[in-house]
Amino acid sequence: MSNLRFINEITLGSAAASLSVTNVFSADYDIYQITFTDTELAALDWVELRFINSGGSVVSASEYDGAVLELDTSGTYGEGKEVNDTNFSRLIRSHTSEAKGGVATMHLFNPFSSSSYTYGLVQSNGVITNGFGTKGMFCLTQASSITGFQIYLNGGSNLNKSTIKTYGLAVT
């Protein structure tokens, strides 16, 4: 039997500038798994992430640190890092003109705890001209109770569709 406990599923069926997933983190779990499937964008862009605190506000302070390794099947590789940024800027890279949308699996640690930072690991596979994958880690360097998250495109484009599932990891 799996230790993953299903919490929530949201499907975006029409274009939107952002998508907020609220009230999914609680004191019930310390570790969460979030999956993104069939994520299509209106233009080639990065899906970016911000957290939502227990007061319902999007955390947009310059308190996100992260690093990403970009793996491109065309043979080029890249690295990205951010320190004191206003979001985690490299969750999924994808484009609408391709047959399949981008996918990602993210693990979050201690998001609901108001006495520790929220840490995350992510790996994704976006579809652009070639395959494009990422492996990354990030941290919200603010000790606050996080209850949800928001995804959006910083380039001003739209998310065309995505299915997002949230699970809590039961530790026995």
N, C-alpha and C. Protein backbone atom coordinates (compact mmCIF):
# COMPACT_ATOMS: atom_id res chain seq x y z
N MET A 1 0.83 -1.18 0.00
CA MET A 1 0.00 0.00 0.00
C MET A 1 0.88 1.24 0.00
N SER A 2 0.52 2.20 -0.81
CA SER A 2 1.28 3.44 -0.93
C SER A 2 1.07 4.33 0.29
N ASN A 3 2.11 5.06 0.64
CA ASN A 3 2.00 6.03 1.72
C ASN A 3 1.50 7.38 1.23
N LEU A 4 1.28 7.52 -0.09
CA LEU A 4 0.73 8.76 -0.63
C LEU A 4 -0.76 8.80 -0.40
N ARG A 5 -1.24 9.91 0.12
CA ARG A 5 -2.67 10.11 0.38
C ARG A 5 -3.17 11.24 -0.51
N PHE A 6 -4.10 10.93 -1.38
CA PHE A 6 -4.65 11.92 -2.31
C PHE A 6 -5.35 13.03 -1.53
N ILE A 7 -5.06 14.28 -1.88
CA ILE A 7 -5.68 15.43 -1.23
C ILE A 7 -6.58 16.20 -2.18
N ASN A 8 -6.09 16.48 -3.39
CA ASN A 8 -6.82 17.40 -4.26
C ASN A 8 -6.40 17.21 -5.72
N GLU A 9 -7.32 17.50 -6.63
CA GLU A 9 -7.03 17.55 -8.06
C GLU A 9 -7.71 18.77 -8.65
N ILE A 10 -6.96 19.51 -9.45
CA ILE A 10 -7.51 20.66 -10.15
C ILE A 10 -7.14 20.52 -11.62
N THR A 11 -8.12 20.71 -12.49
CA THR A 11 -7.87 20.69 -13.92
C THR A 11 -8.24 22.04 -14.51
N LEU A 12 -7.26 22.65 -15.16
CA LEU A 12 -7.48 23.91 -15.86
C LEU A 12 -7.86 23.55 -17.29
N GLY A 13 -9.09 23.89 -17.69
CA GLY A 13 -9.56 23.51 -19.00
C GLY A 13 -9.58 24.63 -20.02
N SER A 14 -9.41 25.87 -19.58
CA SER A 14 -9.38 26.99 -20.51
C SER A 14 -8.26 27.94 -20.09
N ALA A 15 -7.83 28.76 -21.03
CA ALA A 15 -6.67 29.62 -20.81
C ALA A 15 -6.87 30.55 -19.61
N ALA A 16 -5.80 30.70 -18.83
CA ALA A 16 -5.81 31.58 -17.67
C ALA A 16 -4.40 32.13 -17.45
N ALA A 17 -4.33 33.31 -16.87
CA ALA A 17 -3.03 33.93 -16.60
C ALA A 17 -2.33 33.25 -15.43
N SER A 18 -3.09 32.67 -14.49
CA SER A 18 -2.51 31.98 -13.35
C SER A 18 -3.51 30.96 -12.83
N LEU A 19 -3.03 30.09 -11.97
CA LEU A 19 -3.88 29.09 -11.33
C LEU A 19 -3.42 28.95 -9.89
N SER A 20 -4.34 29.14 -8.96
CA SER A 20 -4.03 29.01 -7.53
C SER A 20 -4.64 27.73 -6.99
N VAL A 21 -3.85 27.00 -6.23
CA VAL A 21 -4.29 25.79 -5.54
C VAL A 21 -4.21 26.13 -4.05
N THR A 22 -5.38 26.24 -3.42
CA THR A 22 -5.43 26.74 -2.05
C THR A 22 -5.85 25.65 -1.06
N ASN A 23 -5.46 25.85 0.18
CA ASN A 23 -5.87 25.00 1.30
C ASN A 23 -5.58 23.52 1.09
N VAL A 24 -4.38 23.21 0.60
CA VAL A 24 -4.00 21.81 0.42
C VAL A 24 -2.92 21.35 1.41
N PHE A 25 -2.22 22.30 2.05
CA PHE A 25 -1.20 21.94 3.03
C PHE A 25 -1.76 22.19 4.42
N SER A 26 -1.51 21.24 5.32
CA SER A 26 -2.04 21.33 6.68
C SER A 26 -1.06 20.66 7.64
N ALA A 27 -1.44 20.62 8.90
CA ALA A 27 -0.62 19.95 9.92
C ALA A 27 -0.66 18.43 9.78
N ASP A 28 -1.49 17.91 8.89
CA ASP A 28 -1.61 16.46 8.73
C ASP A 28 -0.36 15.81 8.15
N TYR A 29 0.41 16.55 7.33
CA TYR A 29 1.58 15.99 6.65
C TYR A 29 2.73 16.99 6.70
N ASP A 30 3.95 16.49 6.69
CA ASP A 30 5.14 17.33 6.59
C ASP A 30 5.71 17.32 5.18
N ILE A 31 5.39 16.28 4.41
CA ILE A 31 5.91 16.11 3.05
C ILE A 31 4.74 15.96 2.08
N TYR A 32 4.84 16.65 0.95
CA TYR A 32 3.78 16.60 -0.06
C TYR A 32 4.39 16.30 -1.42
N GLN A 33 3.63 15.60 -2.25
CA GLN A 33 4.00 15.38 -3.64
C GLN A 33 2.94 16.04 -4.51
N ILE A 34 3.39 16.81 -5.48
CA ILE A 34 2.48 17.50 -6.39
C ILE A 34 2.88 17.11 -7.81
N THR A 35 1.91 16.65 -8.60
CA THR A 35 2.18 16.28 -9.98
C THR A 35 1.45 17.24 -10.92
N PHE A 36 2.13 17.59 -11.97
CA PHE A 36 1.58 18.43 -13.04
C PHE A 36 1.61 17.60 -14.31
N THR A 37 0.46 17.45 -14.97
CA THR A 37 0.43 16.70 -16.22
C THR A 37 -0.30 17.51 -17.28
N ASP A 38 0.05 17.22 -18.54
CA ASP A 38 -0.62 17.83 -19.69
C ASP A 38 -0.63 19.36 -19.59
N THR A 39 0.50 19.94 -19.18
CA THR A 39 0.60 21.38 -19.01
C THR A 39 0.99 22.03 -20.33
N GLU A 40 0.07 22.76 -20.91
CA GLU A 40 0.32 23.44 -22.17
C GLU A 40 0.24 24.95 -21.98
N LEU A 41 1.13 25.65 -22.66
CA LEU A 41 1.22 27.10 -22.56
C LEU A 41 0.85 27.73 -23.90
N ALA A 42 0.43 28.98 -23.86
CA ALA A 42 0.08 29.70 -25.09
C ALA A 42 1.31 30.07 -25.91
N ALA A 43 2.46 30.13 -25.29
CA ALA A 43 3.72 30.45 -25.98
C ALA A 43 4.85 29.74 -25.24
N LEU A 44 6.00 29.63 -25.88
CA LEU A 44 7.15 29.03 -25.24
C LEU A 44 7.53 29.87 -24.03
N ASP A 45 7.49 29.27 -22.85
CA ASP A 45 7.73 30.03 -21.62
C ASP A 45 7.99 29.05 -20.49
N TRP A 46 8.32 29.60 -19.33
CA TRP A 46 8.48 28.83 -18.10
C TRP A 46 7.24 28.98 -17.23
N VAL A 47 6.79 27.88 -16.64
CA VAL A 47 5.78 27.94 -15.60
C VAL A 47 6.52 28.27 -14.31
N GLU A 48 6.03 29.29 -13.60
CA GLU A 48 6.68 29.75 -12.38
C GLU A 48 5.79 29.47 -11.18
N LEU A 49 6.37 29.49 -9.99
CA LEU A 49 5.68 29.08 -8.77
C LEU A 49 5.86 30.12 -7.67
N ARG A 50 4.77 30.39 -6.97
CA ARG A 50 4.79 31.18 -5.73
C ARG A 50 3.90 30.48 -4.73
N PHE A 51 4.17 30.68 -3.46
CA PHE A 51 3.36 30.06 -2.42
C PHE A 51 2.27 31.00 -1.93
N ILE A 52 1.25 30.40 -1.31
CA ILE A 52 0.15 31.15 -0.71
C ILE A 52 0.19 30.87 0.79
N ASN A 53 0.21 31.93 1.59
CA ASN A 53 0.31 31.75 3.04
C ASN A 53 -1.06 31.51 3.68
N SER A 54 -1.05 31.23 4.98
CA SER A 54 -2.28 30.87 5.68
C SER A 54 -3.30 32.02 5.72
N GLY A 55 -2.85 33.23 5.46
CA GLY A 55 -3.77 34.37 5.38
C GLY A 55 -4.40 34.51 4.00
N GLY A 56 -4.01 33.64 3.06
CA GLY A 56 -4.57 33.67 1.71
C GLY A 56 -3.83 34.58 0.75
N SER A 57 -2.71 35.15 1.18
CA SER A 57 -1.93 36.05 0.32
C SER A 57 -0.83 35.30 -0.41
N VAL A 58 -0.60 35.69 -1.67
CA VAL A 58 0.51 35.14 -2.45
C VAL A 58 1.80 35.75 -1.91
N VAL A 59 2.77 34.88 -1.62
CA VAL A 59 4.06 35.34 -1.10
C VAL A 59 4.92 35.77 -2.30
N SER A 60 5.08 37.08 -2.44
CA SER A 60 5.85 37.61 -3.56
C SER A 60 7.06 38.41 -3.09
N ALA A 61 7.41 38.27 -1.82
CA ALA A 61 8.61 38.92 -1.29
C ALA A 61 9.85 38.27 -1.90
N SER A 62 10.96 38.97 -1.86
CA SER A 62 12.22 38.47 -2.43
C SER A 62 12.86 37.46 -1.49
N GLU A 63 12.19 36.30 -1.34
CA GLU A 63 12.65 35.29 -0.39
C GLU A 63 12.64 33.88 -0.97
N TYR A 64 12.80 33.78 -2.28
CA TYR A 64 12.89 32.47 -2.94
C TYR A 64 14.33 32.27 -3.43
N ASP A 65 14.93 31.16 -3.04
CA ASP A 65 16.24 30.78 -3.54
C ASP A 65 16.08 29.46 -4.28
N GLY A 66 16.83 29.26 -5.36
CA GLY A 66 16.70 28.01 -6.08
C GLY A 66 17.82 27.79 -7.07
N ALA A 67 17.92 26.57 -7.55
CA ALA A 67 18.89 26.20 -8.57
C ALA A 67 18.28 25.12 -9.44
N VAL A 68 18.56 25.19 -10.75
CA VAL A 68 18.00 24.24 -11.71
C VAL A 68 19.07 23.82 -12.70
N LEU A 69 19.09 22.53 -13.01
CA LEU A 69 19.90 22.01 -14.10
C LEU A 69 18.95 21.76 -15.26
N GLU A 70 19.23 22.36 -16.41
CA GLU A 70 18.38 22.22 -17.60
C GLU A 70 19.02 21.19 -18.54
N LEU A 71 18.23 20.21 -18.93
CA LEU A 71 18.71 19.11 -19.77
C LEU A 71 17.96 19.14 -21.09
N ASP A 72 18.65 19.49 -22.15
CA ASP A 72 18.03 19.64 -23.46
C ASP A 72 18.51 18.51 -24.36
N THR A 73 17.59 17.75 -24.98
CA THR A 73 17.99 16.63 -25.82
C THR A 73 18.70 17.05 -27.09
N SER A 74 18.70 18.34 -27.40
CA SER A 74 19.45 18.79 -28.57
C SER A 74 20.95 18.81 -28.29
N GLY A 75 21.33 18.56 -27.03
CA GLY A 75 22.75 18.47 -26.71
C GLY A 75 23.27 19.64 -25.89
N THR A 76 22.45 20.62 -25.61
CA THR A 76 22.90 21.73 -24.79
C THR A 76 22.36 21.58 -23.38
N TYR A 77 23.12 22.08 -22.44
CA TYR A 77 22.73 22.02 -21.05
C TYR A 77 22.84 23.42 -20.47
N GLY A 78 22.08 23.67 -19.46
CA GLY A 78 22.15 24.97 -18.83
C GLY A 78 21.95 24.85 -17.33
N GLU A 79 22.31 25.90 -16.65
CA GLU A 79 22.10 25.98 -15.22
C GLU A 79 21.45 27.31 -14.92
N GLY A 80 20.64 27.31 -13.92
CA GLY A 80 20.04 28.56 -13.49
C GLY A 80 20.00 28.61 -11.99
N LYS A 81 20.16 29.80 -11.46
CA LYS A 81 20.05 29.95 -10.01
C LYS A 81 19.38 31.27 -9.72
N GLU A 82 18.75 31.32 -8.57
CA GLU A 82 18.11 32.54 -8.13
C GLU A 82 18.30 32.68 -6.63
N VAL A 83 18.60 33.88 -6.22
CA VAL A 83 18.79 34.19 -4.81
C VAL A 83 17.96 35.43 -4.53
N ASN A 84 17.16 35.37 -3.47
CA ASN A 84 16.29 36.49 -3.11
C ASN A 84 15.39 36.92 -4.27
N ASP A 85 14.81 35.95 -4.94
CA ASP A 85 13.89 36.23 -6.04
C ASP A 85 12.47 36.29 -5.51
N THR A 86 11.54 36.70 -6.34
CA THR A 86 10.13 36.82 -5.93
C THR A 86 9.31 35.59 -6.28
N ASN A 87 9.96 34.53 -6.81
CA ASN A 87 9.28 33.29 -7.16
C ASN A 87 10.32 32.22 -7.45
N PHE A 88 9.85 31.00 -7.67
CA PHE A 88 10.69 29.95 -8.23
C PHE A 88 10.37 29.93 -9.71
N SER A 89 11.33 30.33 -10.54
CA SER A 89 11.01 30.68 -11.92
C SER A 89 11.17 29.57 -12.95
N ARG A 90 11.51 28.37 -12.57
CA ARG A 90 11.75 27.33 -13.58
C ARG A 90 11.11 26.01 -13.20
N LEU A 91 9.79 26.01 -13.14
CA LEU A 91 9.09 24.79 -12.76
C LEU A 91 8.93 23.85 -13.96
N ILE A 92 8.35 24.34 -15.06
CA ILE A 92 8.14 23.55 -16.28
C ILE A 92 8.36 24.45 -17.48
N ARG A 93 9.02 23.96 -18.52
CA ARG A 93 9.15 24.70 -19.78
C ARG A 93 8.38 23.91 -20.83
N SER A 94 7.48 24.59 -21.52
CA SER A 94 6.64 23.88 -22.49
C SER A 94 6.11 24.87 -23.52
N HIS A 95 5.35 24.34 -24.45
CA HIS A 95 4.80 25.14 -25.54
C HIS A 95 3.53 24.47 -26.05
N THR A 96 2.58 25.24 -26.51
CA THR A 96 1.32 24.69 -26.98
C THR A 96 1.40 24.01 -28.34
N SER A 97 2.39 24.34 -29.16
CA SER A 97 2.44 23.80 -30.51
C SER A 97 2.87 22.34 -30.56
N GLU A 98 3.28 21.79 -29.46
CA GLU A 98 3.71 20.40 -29.42
C GLU A 98 2.53 19.49 -29.07
N ALA A 99 2.66 18.22 -29.39
CA ALA A 99 1.55 17.28 -29.23
C ALA A 99 1.23 16.97 -27.77
N LYS A 100 2.19 17.01 -26.91
CA LYS A 100 1.97 16.68 -25.50
C LYS A 100 2.40 17.85 -24.63
N GLY A 101 1.74 18.00 -23.51
CA GLY A 101 2.10 19.07 -22.58
C GLY A 101 3.23 18.64 -21.66
N GLY A 102 3.74 19.60 -20.92
CA GLY A 102 4.82 19.34 -19.99
C GLY A 102 4.31 18.66 -18.73
N VAL A 103 5.21 17.97 -18.06
CA VAL A 103 4.88 17.27 -16.82
C VAL A 103 5.95 17.61 -15.77
N ALA A 104 5.56 17.51 -14.50
CA ALA A 104 6.53 17.72 -13.42
C ALA A 104 6.06 16.99 -12.17
N THR A 105 7.02 16.63 -11.34
CA THR A 105 6.75 16.11 -10.01
C THR A 105 7.55 16.96 -9.04
N MET A 106 6.85 17.49 -8.05
CA MET A 106 7.46 18.35 -7.05
C MET A 106 7.22 17.76 -5.67
N HIS A 107 8.23 17.80 -4.82
CA HIS A 107 8.11 17.39 -3.43
C HIS A 107 8.36 18.61 -2.55
N LEU A 108 7.47 18.86 -1.61
CA LEU A 108 7.60 19.97 -0.68
C LEU A 108 7.78 19.44 0.72
N PHE A 109 8.60 20.15 1.50
CA PHE A 109 8.91 19.74 2.85
C PHE A 109 8.56 20.87 3.82
N ASN A 110 7.73 20.55 4.80
CA ASN A 110 7.33 21.46 5.88
C ASN A 110 6.63 22.74 5.44
N PRO A 111 5.78 22.71 4.45
CA PRO A 111 5.15 23.97 4.03
C PRO A 111 4.24 24.58 5.09
N PHE A 112 3.56 23.77 5.88
CA PHE A 112 2.59 24.30 6.84
C PHE A 112 3.24 24.81 8.13
N SER A 113 4.45 24.37 8.42
CA SER A 113 5.14 24.75 9.65
C SER A 113 5.50 26.23 9.63
N SER A 114 5.07 26.95 10.65
CA SER A 114 5.38 28.38 10.74
C SER A 114 6.74 28.64 11.39
N SER A 115 7.44 27.57 11.76
CA SER A 115 8.74 27.74 12.41
C SER A 115 9.90 27.24 11.55
N SER A 116 9.63 26.88 10.29
CA SER A 116 10.72 26.43 9.42
C SER A 116 10.49 26.91 7.99
N TYR A 117 11.56 26.90 7.22
CA TYR A 117 11.47 27.26 5.81
C TYR A 117 10.75 26.15 5.04
N THR A 118 10.20 26.49 3.90
CA THR A 118 9.60 25.51 2.99
C THR A 118 10.63 25.17 1.92
N TYR A 119 10.95 23.88 1.79
CA TYR A 119 11.92 23.41 0.81
C TYR A 119 11.20 22.61 -0.26
N GLY A 120 11.78 22.59 -1.46
CA GLY A 120 11.18 21.81 -2.53
C GLY A 120 12.21 21.21 -3.47
N LEU A 121 11.83 20.09 -4.07
CA LEU A 121 12.59 19.45 -5.13
C LEU A 121 11.64 19.29 -6.31
N VAL A 122 12.14 19.46 -7.52
CA VAL A 122 11.28 19.31 -8.69
C VAL A 122 12.08 18.69 -9.84
N GLN A 123 11.39 17.87 -10.59
CA GLN A 123 11.94 17.43 -11.88
C GLN A 123 10.81 17.50 -12.88
N SER A 124 11.16 17.93 -14.09
CA SER A 124 10.12 18.13 -15.10
C SER A 124 10.61 17.69 -16.46
N ASN A 125 9.65 17.51 -17.34
CA ASN A 125 9.93 17.26 -18.75
C ASN A 125 8.95 18.10 -19.55
N GLY A 126 9.46 19.10 -20.18
CA GLY A 126 8.64 19.94 -21.04
C GLY A 126 8.87 19.57 -22.48
N VAL A 127 7.94 19.89 -23.31
CA VAL A 127 8.06 19.56 -24.73
C VAL A 127 8.18 20.86 -25.50
N ILE A 128 9.36 21.07 -26.06
CA ILE A 128 9.55 22.18 -26.99
C ILE A 128 9.96 21.51 -28.29
N THR A 129 10.86 22.03 -29.06
CA THR A 129 11.27 21.37 -30.30
C THR A 129 11.83 19.99 -30.01
N ASN A 130 12.64 19.91 -28.98
CA ASN A 130 13.20 18.64 -28.52
C ASN A 130 12.68 18.41 -27.11
N GLY A 131 13.06 17.31 -26.52
CA GLY A 131 12.73 17.11 -25.11
C GLY A 131 13.53 18.09 -24.27
N PHE A 132 12.95 18.52 -23.18
CA PHE A 132 13.62 19.49 -22.32
C PHE A 132 13.27 19.17 -20.89
N GLY A 133 14.24 18.73 -20.12
CA GLY A 133 13.98 18.35 -18.74
C GLY A 133 14.71 19.24 -17.76
N THR A 134 14.25 19.21 -16.52
CA THR A 134 14.92 19.96 -15.47
C THR A 134 14.97 19.13 -14.20
N LYS A 135 15.95 19.42 -13.38
CA LYS A 135 16.03 18.93 -12.01
C LYS A 135 16.41 20.15 -11.19
N GLY A 136 15.63 20.39 -10.15
CA GLY A 136 15.91 21.59 -9.39
C GLY A 136 15.54 21.47 -7.92
N MET A 137 15.99 22.45 -7.17
CA MET A 137 15.64 22.55 -5.76
C MET A 137 15.43 24.01 -5.43
N PHE A 138 14.61 24.26 -4.41
CA PHE A 138 14.34 25.64 -4.05
C PHE A 138 13.94 25.73 -2.59
N CYS A 139 13.93 26.96 -2.10
CA CYS A 139 13.62 27.20 -0.69
C CYS A 139 12.93 28.56 -0.58
N LEU A 140 11.86 28.61 0.19
CA LEU A 140 11.25 29.87 0.58
C LEU A 140 11.89 30.23 1.91
N THR A 141 12.72 31.26 1.92
CA THR A 141 13.48 31.61 3.12
C THR A 141 12.67 32.52 4.03
N GLN A 142 11.46 32.13 4.25
CA GLN A 142 10.54 32.83 5.13
C GLN A 142 9.86 31.75 5.97
N ALA A 143 9.96 31.85 7.27
CA ALA A 143 9.32 30.86 8.13
C ALA A 143 7.87 31.30 8.36
N SER A 144 7.00 30.79 7.50
CA SER A 144 5.57 31.11 7.62
C SER A 144 4.75 29.90 7.22
N SER A 145 3.52 29.86 7.67
CA SER A 145 2.64 28.74 7.36
C SER A 145 2.11 28.89 5.94
N ILE A 146 2.45 27.92 5.10
CA ILE A 146 2.05 27.91 3.68
C ILE A 146 0.91 26.91 3.53
N THR A 147 -0.17 27.33 2.89
CA THR A 147 -1.32 26.44 2.72
C THR A 147 -1.62 26.12 1.26
N GLY A 148 -0.95 26.79 0.32
CA GLY A 148 -1.20 26.53 -1.09
C GLY A 148 -0.12 27.13 -1.96
N PHE A 149 -0.37 27.11 -3.28
CA PHE A 149 0.62 27.64 -4.22
C PHE A 149 -0.09 28.18 -5.45
N GLN A 150 0.63 28.98 -6.20
CA GLN A 150 0.12 29.57 -7.44
C GLN A 150 1.13 29.31 -8.54
N ILE A 151 0.64 28.93 -9.73
CA ILE A 151 1.51 28.84 -10.89
C ILE A 151 1.07 29.90 -11.89
N TYR A 152 2.03 30.40 -12.64
CA TYR A 152 1.74 31.45 -13.63
C TYR A 152 2.91 31.55 -14.59
N LEU A 153 2.74 32.35 -15.64
CA LEU A 153 3.80 32.61 -16.60
C LEU A 153 4.21 34.06 -16.48
N ASN A 154 5.47 34.30 -16.17
CA ASN A 154 5.95 35.65 -15.95
C ASN A 154 5.99 36.45 -17.25
N GLY A 155 6.05 35.77 -18.39
CA GLY A 155 6.14 36.45 -19.68
C GLY A 155 4.83 37.05 -20.14
N GLY A 156 3.76 36.93 -19.36
CA GLY A 156 2.48 37.53 -19.72
C GLY A 156 1.61 36.65 -20.59
N SER A 157 2.07 35.47 -20.91
CA SER A 157 1.28 34.54 -21.71
C SER A 157 0.29 33.82 -20.80
N ASN A 158 -0.47 32.88 -21.36
CA ASN A 158 -1.46 32.13 -20.60
C ASN A 158 -1.09 30.66 -20.48
N LEU A 159 -1.56 30.06 -19.39
CA LEU A 159 -1.59 28.61 -19.26
C LEU A 159 -2.81 28.15 -20.03
N ASN A 160 -2.66 27.24 -20.97
CA ASN A 160 -3.82 26.75 -21.72
C ASN A 160 -4.53 25.63 -20.99
N LYS A 161 -3.76 24.71 -20.41
CA LYS A 161 -4.37 23.64 -19.63
C LYS A 161 -3.33 22.97 -18.77
N SER A 162 -3.79 22.31 -17.72
CA SER A 162 -2.93 21.55 -16.83
C SER A 162 -3.80 20.77 -15.85
N THR A 163 -3.32 19.63 -15.41
CA THR A 163 -3.95 18.90 -14.32
C THR A 163 -2.93 18.80 -13.20
N ILE A 164 -3.36 19.22 -12.01
CA ILE A 164 -2.46 19.26 -10.86
C ILE A 164 -3.07 18.41 -9.75
N LYS A 165 -2.29 17.45 -9.26
CA LYS A 165 -2.74 16.58 -8.16
C LYS A 165 -1.80 16.78 -6.98
N THR A 166 -2.39 16.89 -5.80
CA THR A 166 -1.63 17.06 -4.57
C THR A 166 -1.84 15.85 -3.67
N TYR A 167 -0.74 15.33 -3.13
CA TYR A 167 -0.77 14.19 -2.22
C TYR A 167 0.02 14.53 -0.96
N GLY A 168 -0.43 13.99 0.17
CA GLY A 168 0.35 14.05 1.39
C GLY A 168 1.07 12.73 1.55
N LEU A 169 2.28 12.77 2.11
CA LEU A 169 3.05 11.56 2.33
C LEU A 169 2.92 11.16 3.79
N ALA A 170 2.25 10.05 4.03
CA ALA A 170 2.07 9.55 5.38
C ALA A 170 3.35 8.83 5.82
N VAL A 171 3.91 9.26 6.91
CA VAL A 171 5.12 8.63 7.44
C VAL A 171 4.69 7.74 8.59
N THR A 172 4.98 6.45 8.46
CA THR A 172 4.57 5.51 9.49
C THR A 172 5.73 4.98 10.28
